[in-house]
PDB file of N, CA and C in Angstrom:
ATOM      1  N   UNK A   1      -6.081  15.337  -2.662  1.00  0.00           N
ATOM      2  CA  UNK A   1      -6.435  15.454  -1.263  1.00  0.00           C
ATOM      3  C   UNK A   1      -7.439  14.388  -0.834  1.00  0.00           C
ATOM      4  N   UNK A   2      -8.174  13.876  -1.782  1.00  0.00           N
ATOM      5  CA  UNK A   2      -9.189  12.878  -1.452  1.00  0.00           C
ATOM      6  C   UNK A   2      -8.535  11.612  -0.922  1.00  0.00           C
ATOM      7  N   UNK A   3      -7.486  11.132  -1.610  1.00  0.00           N
ATOM      8  CA  UNK A   3      -6.822   9.910  -1.164  1.00  0.00           C
ATOM      9  C   UNK A   3      -6.127  10.110   0.175  1.00  0.00           C
ATOM     10  N   UNK A   4      -5.547  11.279   0.387  1.00  0.00           N
ATOM     11  CA  UNK A   4      -4.897  11.563   1.665  1.00  0.00           C
ATOM     12  C   UNK A   4      -5.911  11.552   2.800  1.00  0.00           C
ATOM     13  N   UNK A   5      -7.032  12.197   2.589  1.00  0.00           N
ATOM     14  CA  UNK A   5      -8.083  12.230   3.599  1.00  0.00           C
ATOM     15  C   UNK A   5      -8.617  10.822   3.873  1.00  0.00           C
ATOM     16  N   UNK A   6      -8.835  10.060   2.824  1.00  0.00           N
ATOM     17  CA  UNK A   6      -9.307   8.694   2.984  1.00  0.00           C
ATOM     18  C   UNK A   6      -8.282   7.836   3.716  1.00  0.00           C
ATOM     19  N   UNK A   7      -7.021   8.006   3.375  1.00  0.00           N
ATOM     20  CA  UNK A   7      -5.959   7.255   4.032  1.00  0.00           C
ATOM     21  C   UNK A   7      -5.896   7.558   5.520  1.00  0.00           C
ATOM     22  N   UNK A   8      -5.940   8.823   5.865  1.00  0.00           N
ATOM     23  CA  UNK A   8      -5.896   9.191   7.277  1.00  0.00           C
ATOM     24  C   UNK A   8      -7.131   8.714   8.023  1.00  0.00           C
ATOM     25  N   UNK A   9      -8.271   8.758   7.369  1.00  0.00           N
ATOM     26  CA  UNK A   9      -9.511   8.293   7.997  1.00  0.00           C
ATOM     27  C   UNK A   9      -9.467   6.795   8.270  1.00  0.00           C
ATOM     28  N   UNK A  10      -9.006   6.042   7.287  1.00  0.00           N
ATOM     29  CA  UNK A  10      -8.968   4.588   7.438  1.00  0.00           C
ATOM     30  C   UNK A  10      -7.827   4.120   8.329  1.00  0.00           C
ATOM     31  N   UNK A  11      -6.847   4.976   8.557  1.00  0.00           N
ATOM     32  CA  UNK A  11      -5.736   4.618   9.428  1.00  0.00           C
ATOM     33  C   UNK A  11      -6.234   4.330  10.845  1.00  0.00           C
ATOM     34  N   UNK A  12      -7.233   5.063  11.285  1.00  0.00           N
ATOM     35  CA  UNK A  12      -7.795   4.830  12.609  1.00  0.00           C
ATOM     36  C   UNK A  12      -8.586   3.539  12.699  1.00  0.00           C
ATOM     37  N   UNK A  13      -9.018   3.003  11.576  1.00  0.00           N
ATOM     38  CA  UNK A  13      -9.780   1.757  11.551  1.00  0.00           C
ATOM     39  C   UNK A  13      -8.839   0.549  11.502  1.00  0.00           C
ATOM     40  N   UNK A  14      -7.673   0.720  10.919  1.00  0.00           N
ATOM     41  CA  UNK A  14      -6.762  -0.395  10.678  1.00  0.00           C
ATOM     42  C   UNK A  14      -6.312  -1.073  11.971  1.00  0.00           C
ATOM     43  N   UNK A  15      -5.877  -0.294  12.947  1.00  0.00           N
ATOM     44  CA  UNK A  15      -5.390  -0.863  14.212  1.00  0.00           C
ATOM     45  C   UNK A  15      -6.419  -1.725  14.920  1.00  0.00           C
ATOM     46  N   UNK A  16      -7.604  -1.183  15.206  1.00  0.00           N
ATOM     47  CA  UNK A  16      -8.617  -2.015  15.870  1.00  0.00           C
ATOM     48  C   UNK A  16      -9.040  -3.239  15.049  1.00  0.00           C
ATOM     49  N   UNK A  17      -9.104  -3.081  13.729  1.00  0.00           N
ATOM     50  CA  UNK A  17      -9.469  -4.215  12.882  1.00  0.00           C
ATOM     51  C   UNK A  17      -8.397  -5.298  12.944  1.00  0.00           C
ATOM     52  N   UNK A  18      -7.131  -4.898  12.916  1.00  0.00           N
ATOM     53  CA  UNK A  18      -6.057  -5.884  13.013  1.00  0.00           C
ATOM     54  C   UNK A  18      -6.072  -6.585  14.368  1.00  0.00           C
ATOM     55  N   UNK A  19      -6.357  -5.850  15.433  1.00  0.00           N
ATOM     56  CA  UNK A  19      -6.442  -6.474  16.757  1.00  0.00           C
ATOM     57  C   UNK A  19      -7.549  -7.521  16.796  1.00  0.00           C
ATOM     58  N   UNK A  20      -8.669  -7.207  16.174  1.00  0.00           N
ATOM     59  CA  UNK A  20      -9.782  -8.154  16.113  1.00  0.00           C
ATOM     60  C   UNK A  20      -9.392  -9.402  15.326  1.00  0.00           C
ATOM     61  N   UNK A  21      -8.715  -9.206  14.185  1.00  0.00           N
ATOM     62  CA  UNK A  21      -8.280 -10.344  13.369  1.00  0.00           C
ATOM     63  C   UNK A  21      -7.255 -11.203  14.105  1.00  0.00           C
ATOM     64  N   UNK A  22      -6.361 -10.565  14.846  1.00  0.00           N
ATOM     65  CA  UNK A  22      -5.350 -11.320  15.598  1.00  0.00           C
ATOM     66  C   UNK A  22      -6.027 -12.183  16.657  1.00  0.00           C
ATOM     67  N   UNK A  23      -7.002 -11.623  17.350  1.00  0.00           N
ATOM     68  CA  UNK A  23      -7.715 -12.404  18.371  1.00  0.00           C
ATOM     69  C   UNK A  23      -8.485 -13.565  17.753  1.00  0.00           C
ATOM     70  N   UNK A  24      -9.085 -13.328  16.597  1.00  0.00           N
ATOM     71  CA  UNK A  24      -9.947 -14.340  15.990  1.00  0.00           C
ATOM     72  C   UNK A  24      -9.164 -15.417  15.244  1.00  0.00           C
ATOM     73  N   UNK A  25      -8.118 -15.037  14.488  1.00  0.00           N
ATOM     74  CA  UNK A  25      -7.435 -15.990  13.619  1.00  0.00           C
ATOM     75  C   UNK A  25      -5.986 -16.280  13.987  1.00  0.00           C
ATOM     76  N   UNK A  26      -5.386 -15.514  14.860  1.00  0.00           N
ATOM     77  CA  UNK A  26      -3.991 -15.688  15.302  1.00  0.00           C
ATOM     78  C   UNK A  26      -2.987 -15.759  14.140  1.00  0.00           C
ATOM     79  N   UNK A  27      -3.003 -14.788  13.224  1.00  0.00           N
ATOM     80  CA  UNK A  27      -1.996 -14.811  12.147  1.00  0.00           C
ATOM     81  C   UNK A  27      -0.630 -14.384  12.683  1.00  0.00           C
ATOM     82  N   UNK A  28       0.420 -14.768  11.961  1.00  0.00           N
ATOM     83  CA  UNK A  28       1.754 -14.279  12.320  1.00  0.00           C
ATOM     84  C   UNK A  28       1.850 -12.819  11.893  1.00  0.00           C
ATOM     85  N   UNK A  29       2.848 -12.119  12.400  1.00  0.00           N
ATOM     86  CA  UNK A  29       3.008 -10.716  12.023  1.00  0.00           C
ATOM     87  C   UNK A  29       3.293 -10.578  10.529  1.00  0.00           C
ATOM     88  N   UNK A  30       4.040 -11.539   9.964  1.00  0.00           N
ATOM     89  CA  UNK A  30       4.311 -11.496   8.523  1.00  0.00           C
ATOM     90  C   UNK A  30       3.041 -11.704   7.708  1.00  0.00           C
ATOM     91  N   UNK A  31       2.183 -12.609   8.141  1.00  0.00           N
ATOM     92  CA  UNK A  31       0.918 -12.817   7.433  1.00  0.00           C
ATOM     93  C   UNK A  31       0.045 -11.568   7.517  1.00  0.00           C
ATOM     94  N   UNK A  32       0.007 -10.955   8.671  1.00  0.00           N
ATOM     95  CA  UNK A  32      -0.794  -9.756   8.857  1.00  0.00           C
ATOM     96  C   UNK A  32      -0.297  -8.627   7.960  1.00  0.00           C
ATOM     97  N   UNK A  33       1.019  -8.417   7.910  1.00  0.00           N
ATOM     98  CA  UNK A  33       1.583  -7.376   7.043  1.00  0.00           C
ATOM     99  C   UNK A  33       1.344  -7.688   5.578  1.00  0.00           C
ATOM    100  N   UNK A  34       1.532  -8.954   5.205  1.00  0.00           N
ATOM    101  CA  UNK A  34       1.356  -9.340   3.807  1.00  0.00           C
ATOM    102  C   UNK A  34      -0.069  -9.065   3.338  1.00  0.00           C
ATOM    103  N   UNK A  35      -1.049  -9.541   4.074  1.00  0.00           N
ATOM    104  CA  UNK A  35      -2.428  -9.373   3.628  1.00  0.00           C
ATOM    105  C   UNK A  35      -2.906  -7.928   3.741  1.00  0.00           C
ATOM    106  N   UNK A  36      -2.385  -7.179   4.707  1.00  0.00           N
ATOM    107  CA  UNK A  36      -2.700  -5.743   4.761  1.00  0.00           C
ATOM    108  C   UNK A  36      -2.179  -5.044   3.508  1.00  0.00           C
ATOM    109  N   UNK A  37      -0.971  -5.401   3.098  1.00  0.00           N
ATOM    110  CA  UNK A  37      -0.386  -4.801   1.899  1.00  0.00           C
ATOM    111  C   UNK A  37      -1.110  -5.244   0.629  1.00  0.00           C
ATOM    112  N   UNK A  38      -1.548  -6.508   0.586  1.00  0.00           N
ATOM    113  CA  UNK A  38      -2.292  -6.991  -0.588  1.00  0.00           C
ATOM    114  C   UNK A  38      -3.590  -6.203  -0.741  1.00  0.00           C
ATOM    115  N   UNK A  39      -4.351  -6.057   0.356  1.00  0.00           N
ATOM    116  CA  UNK A  39      -5.620  -5.333   0.280  1.00  0.00           C
ATOM    117  C   UNK A  39      -5.401  -3.868  -0.052  1.00  0.00           C
ATOM    118  N   UNK A  40      -4.364  -3.261   0.534  1.00  0.00           N
ATOM    119  CA  UNK A  40      -4.073  -1.855   0.230  1.00  0.00           C
ATOM    120  C   UNK A  40      -3.703  -1.693  -1.241  1.00  0.00           C
ATOM    121  N   UNK A  41      -2.910  -2.618  -1.767  1.00  0.00           N
ATOM    122  CA  UNK A  41      -2.506  -2.553  -3.169  1.00  0.00           C
ATOM    123  C   UNK A  41      -3.699  -2.717  -4.100  1.00  0.00           C
ATOM    124  N   UNK A  42      -4.573  -3.661  -3.790  1.00  0.00           N
ATOM    125  CA  UNK A  42      -5.770  -3.859  -4.618  1.00  0.00           C
ATOM    126  C   UNK A  42      -6.673  -2.627  -4.584  1.00  0.00           C
ATOM    127  N   UNK A  43      -6.877  -2.089  -3.411  1.00  0.00           N
ATOM    128  CA  UNK A  43      -7.712  -0.911  -3.273  1.00  0.00           C
ATOM    129  C   UNK A  43      -7.132   0.256  -4.078  1.00  0.00           C
ATOM    130  N   UNK A  44      -5.837   0.511  -3.912  1.00  0.00           N
ATOM    131  CA  UNK A  44      -5.220   1.619  -4.629  1.00  0.00           C
ATOM    132  C   UNK A  44      -5.200   1.392  -6.135  1.00  0.00           C
ATOM    133  N   UNK A  45      -5.012   0.149  -6.546  1.00  0.00           N
ATOM    134  CA  UNK A  45      -5.036  -0.154  -7.977  1.00  0.00           C
ATOM    135  C   UNK A  45      -6.388   0.233  -8.585  1.00  0.00           C
ATOM    136  N   UNK A  46      -7.477  -0.162  -7.926  1.00  0.00           N
ATOM    137  CA  UNK A  46      -8.800   0.157  -8.467  1.00  0.00           C
ATOM    138  C   UNK A  46      -9.098   1.653  -8.418  1.00  0.00           C
ATOM    139  N   UNK A  47      -8.631   2.323  -7.369  1.00  0.00           N
ATOM    140  CA  UNK A  47      -8.818   3.782  -7.303  1.00  0.00           C
ATOM    141  C   UNK A  47      -8.033   4.457  -8.420  1.00  0.00           C
ATOM    142  N   UNK A  48      -6.783   4.046  -8.628  1.00  0.00           N
ATOM    143  CA  UNK A  48      -5.970   4.640  -9.684  1.00  0.00           C
ATOM    144  C   UNK A  48      -6.529   4.343 -11.071  1.00  0.00           C
ATOM    145  N   UNK A  49      -7.047   3.136 -11.254  1.00  0.00           N
ATOM    146  CA  UNK A  49      -7.640   2.796 -12.546  1.00  0.00           C
ATOM    147  C   UNK A  49      -8.896   3.625 -12.802  1.00  0.00           C
ATOM    148  N   UNK A  50      -9.730   3.785 -11.795  1.00  0.00           N
ATOM    149  CA  UNK A  50     -10.984   4.510 -11.988  1.00  0.00           C
ATOM    150  C   UNK A  50     -10.765   6.011 -12.170  1.00  0.00           C
ATOM    151  N   UNK A  51      -9.674   6.531 -11.611  1.00  0.00           N
ATOM    152  CA  UNK A  51      -9.402   7.959 -11.752  1.00  0.00           C
ATOM    153  C   UNK A  51      -8.564   8.287 -12.982  1.00  0.00           C
ATOM    154  N   UNK A  52      -8.014   7.259 -13.627  1.00  0.00           N
ATOM    155  CA  UNK A  52      -7.175   7.486 -14.799  1.00  0.00           C
ATOM    156  C   UNK A  52      -5.723   7.772 -14.472  1.00  0.00           C
ATOM    157  N   UNK A  53      -5.379   7.771 -13.187  1.00  0.00           N
ATOM    158  CA  UNK A  53      -4.008   8.077 -12.779  1.00  0.00           C
ATOM    159  C   UNK A  53      -3.044   6.922 -13.024  1.00  0.00           C
ATOM    160  N   UNK A  54      -3.552   5.709 -13.116  1.00  0.00           N
ATOM    161  CA  UNK A  54      -2.660   4.568 -13.338  1.00  0.00           C
ATOM    162  C   UNK A  54      -1.956   4.685 -14.681  1.00  0.00           C
ATOM    163  N   UNK A  55      -2.719   4.984 -15.721  1.00  0.00           N
ATOM    164  CA  UNK A  55      -2.108   5.092 -17.044  1.00  0.00           C
ATOM    165  C   UNK A  55      -1.142   6.275 -17.100  1.00  0.00           C
ATOM    166  N   UNK A  56      -1.456   7.335 -16.387  1.00  0.00           N
ATOM    167  CA  UNK A  56      -0.540   8.484 -16.339  1.00  0.00           C
ATOM    168  C   UNK A  56       0.767   8.104 -15.642  1.00  0.00           C
ATOM    169  N   UNK A  57       0.675   7.312 -14.589  1.00  0.00           N
ATOM    170  CA  UNK A  57       1.884   6.866 -13.884  1.00  0.00           C
ATOM    171  C   UNK A  57       2.747   5.986 -14.789  1.00  0.00           C
ATOM    172  N   UNK A  58       2.108   5.116 -15.544  1.00  0.00           N
ATOM    173  CA  UNK A  58       2.849   4.253 -16.474  1.00  0.00           C
ATOM    174  C   UNK A  58       3.529   5.097 -17.551  1.00  0.00           C
ATOM    175  N   UNK A  59       2.802   6.078 -18.076  1.00  0.00           N
ATOM    176  CA  UNK A  59       3.400   6.967 -19.088  1.00  0.00           C
ATOM    177  C   UNK A  59       4.565   7.761 -18.493  1.00  0.00           C
ATOM    178  N   UNK A  60       4.418   8.229 -17.261  1.00  0.00           N
ATOM    179  CA  UNK A  60       5.493   8.974 -16.608  1.00  0.00           C
ATOM    180  C   UNK A  60       6.744   8.109 -16.482  1.00  0.00           C
ATOM    181  N   UNK A  61       6.562   6.867 -16.053  1.00  0.00           N
ATOM    182  CA  UNK A  61       7.709   5.959 -15.927  1.00  0.00           C
ATOM    183  C   UNK A  61       8.344   5.683 -17.288  1.00  0.00           C
ATOM    184  N   UNK A  62       7.518   5.616 -18.324  1.00  0.00           N
ATOM    185  CA  UNK A  62       8.057   5.431 -19.674  1.00  0.00           C
ATOM    186  C   UNK A  62       8.873   6.619 -20.144  1.00  0.00           C
ATOM    187  N   UNK A  63       8.432   7.820 -19.770  1.00  0.00           N
ATOM    188  CA  UNK A  63       9.169   9.034 -20.154  1.00  0.00           C
ATOM    189  C   UNK A  63      10.408   9.246 -19.293  1.00  0.00           C
ATOM    190  N   UNK A  64      10.398   8.709 -18.074  1.00  0.00           N
ATOM    191  CA  UNK A  64      11.507   8.919 -17.133  1.00  0.00           C
ATOM    192  C   UNK A  64      11.974   7.576 -16.564  1.00  0.00           C
ATOM    193  N   UNK A  65      12.610   6.741 -17.377  1.00  0.00           N
ATOM    194  CA  UNK A  65      13.004   5.413 -16.903  1.00  0.00           C
ATOM    195  C   UNK A  65      14.051   5.452 -15.783  1.00  0.00           C
ATOM    196  N   UNK A  66      14.676   6.593 -15.580  1.00  0.00           N
ATOM    197  CA  UNK A  66      15.644   6.696 -14.483  1.00  0.00           C
ATOM    198  C   UNK A  66      14.974   6.657 -13.112  1.00  0.00           C
ATOM    199  N   UNK A  67      13.647   6.644 -13.065  1.00  0.00           N
ATOM    200  CA  UNK A  67      12.934   6.571 -11.793  1.00  0.00           C
ATOM    201  C   UNK A  67      12.904   5.149 -11.237  1.00  0.00           C
ATOM    202  N   UNK A  68      13.139   4.147 -12.055  1.00  0.00           N
ATOM    203  CA  UNK A  68      13.034   2.758 -11.601  1.00  0.00           C
ATOM    204  C   UNK A  68      13.953   2.419 -10.424  1.00  0.00           C
ATOM    205  N   UNK A  69      15.219   2.837 -10.405  1.00  0.00           N
ATOM    206  CA  UNK A  69      16.032   2.555  -9.212  1.00  0.00           C
ATOM    207  C   UNK A  69      15.456   3.199  -7.943  1.00  0.00           C
ATOM    208  N   UNK A  70      14.914   4.412  -8.070  1.00  0.00           N
ATOM    209  CA  UNK A  70      14.309   5.058  -6.907  1.00  0.00           C
ATOM    210  C   UNK A  70      13.090   4.284  -6.418  1.00  0.00           C
ATOM    211  N   UNK A  71      12.283   3.792  -7.341  1.00  0.00           N
ATOM    212  CA  UNK A  71      11.117   2.996  -6.959  1.00  0.00           C
ATOM    213  C   UNK A  71      11.541   1.691  -6.290  1.00  0.00           C
ATOM    214  N   UNK A  72      12.599   1.094  -6.799  1.00  0.00           N
ATOM    215  CA  UNK A  72      13.113  -0.130  -6.189  1.00  0.00           C
ATOM    216  C   UNK A  72      13.592   0.131  -4.770  1.00  0.00           C
ATOM    217  N   UNK A  73      14.382   1.198  -4.593  1.00  0.00           N
ATOM    218  CA  UNK A  73      14.859   1.543  -3.249  1.00  0.00           C
ATOM    219  C   UNK A  73      13.699   1.858  -2.307  1.00  0.00           C
ATOM    220  N   UNK A  74      12.708   2.561  -2.794  1.00  0.00           N
ATOM    221  CA  UNK A  74      11.540   2.881  -1.980  1.00  0.00           C
ATOM    222  C   UNK A  74      10.840   1.603  -1.518  1.00  0.00           C
ATOM    223  N   UNK A  75      10.647   0.669  -2.428  1.00  0.00           N
ATOM    224  CA  UNK A  75      10.009  -0.597  -2.082  1.00  0.00           C
ATOM    225  C   UNK A  75      10.832  -1.410  -1.094  1.00  0.00           C
ATOM    226  N   UNK A  76      12.154  -1.455  -1.306  1.00  0.00           N
ATOM    227  CA  UNK A  76      13.024  -2.199  -0.386  1.00  0.00           C
ATOM    228  C   UNK A  76      13.024  -1.575   1.011  1.00  0.00           C
ATOM    229  N   UNK A  77      13.104  -0.260   1.066  1.00  0.00           N
ATOM    230  CA  UNK A  77      13.090   0.420   2.371  1.00  0.00           C
ATOM    231  C   UNK A  77      11.750   0.214   3.073  1.00  0.00           C
ATOM    232  N   UNK A  78      10.674   0.201   2.324  1.00  0.00           N
ATOM    233  CA  UNK A  78       9.367  -0.047   2.898  1.00  0.00           C
ATOM    234  C   UNK A  78       9.297  -1.469   3.478  1.00  0.00           C
ATOM    235  N   UNK A  79       9.782  -2.439   2.722  1.00  0.00           N
ATOM    236  CA  UNK A  79       9.760  -3.826   3.187  1.00  0.00           C
ATOM    237  C   UNK A  79      10.638  -4.005   4.421  1.00  0.00           C
ATOM    238  N   UNK A  80      11.823  -3.414   4.400  1.00  0.00           N
ATOM    239  CA  UNK A  80      12.719  -3.528   5.560  1.00  0.00           C
ATOM    240  C   UNK A  80      12.133  -2.809   6.770  1.00  0.00           C
ATOM    241  N   UNK A  81      11.534  -1.650   6.528  1.00  0.00           N
ATOM    242  CA  UNK A  81      10.940  -0.881   7.623  1.00  0.00           C
ATOM    243  C   UNK A  81       9.798  -1.600   8.306  1.00  0.00           C
ATOM    244  N   UNK A  82       9.092  -2.450   7.596  1.00  0.00           N
ATOM    245  CA  UNK A  82       8.011  -3.205   8.213  1.00  0.00           C
ATOM    246  C   UNK A  82       8.517  -4.295   9.138  1.00  0.00           C
ATOM    247  N   UNK A  83       9.772  -4.695   8.971  1.00  0.00           N
ATOM    248  CA  UNK A  83      10.338  -5.743   9.809  1.00  0.00           C
ATOM    249  C   UNK A  83      11.238  -5.184  10.901  1.00  0.00           C
ATOM    250  N   UNK A  84      11.500  -3.903  10.878  1.00  0.00           N
ATOM    251  CA  UNK A  84      12.407  -3.323  11.887  1.00  0.00           C
ATOM    252  C   UNK A  84      11.679  -3.028  13.171  1.00  0.00           C
TER     253      UNK A  84
END
């Protein structure tokens, strides 16, 4: 619940921050999405590492390798959805 609460809390900050960055630096929409995703990935990586959940996720994938196609589809749908 902690990550969900944090995610919802920071969601309200993301829009105004992106508007400020667009006014100041004029990035393209692809650049804005790319760097937002990079920062989100880095943040989540460190949270997962510090909580010990990263290694559990890796072990889960090792025990259930049939999840890889689902993860691939999830990633592709996410990427396509950002451009739709």
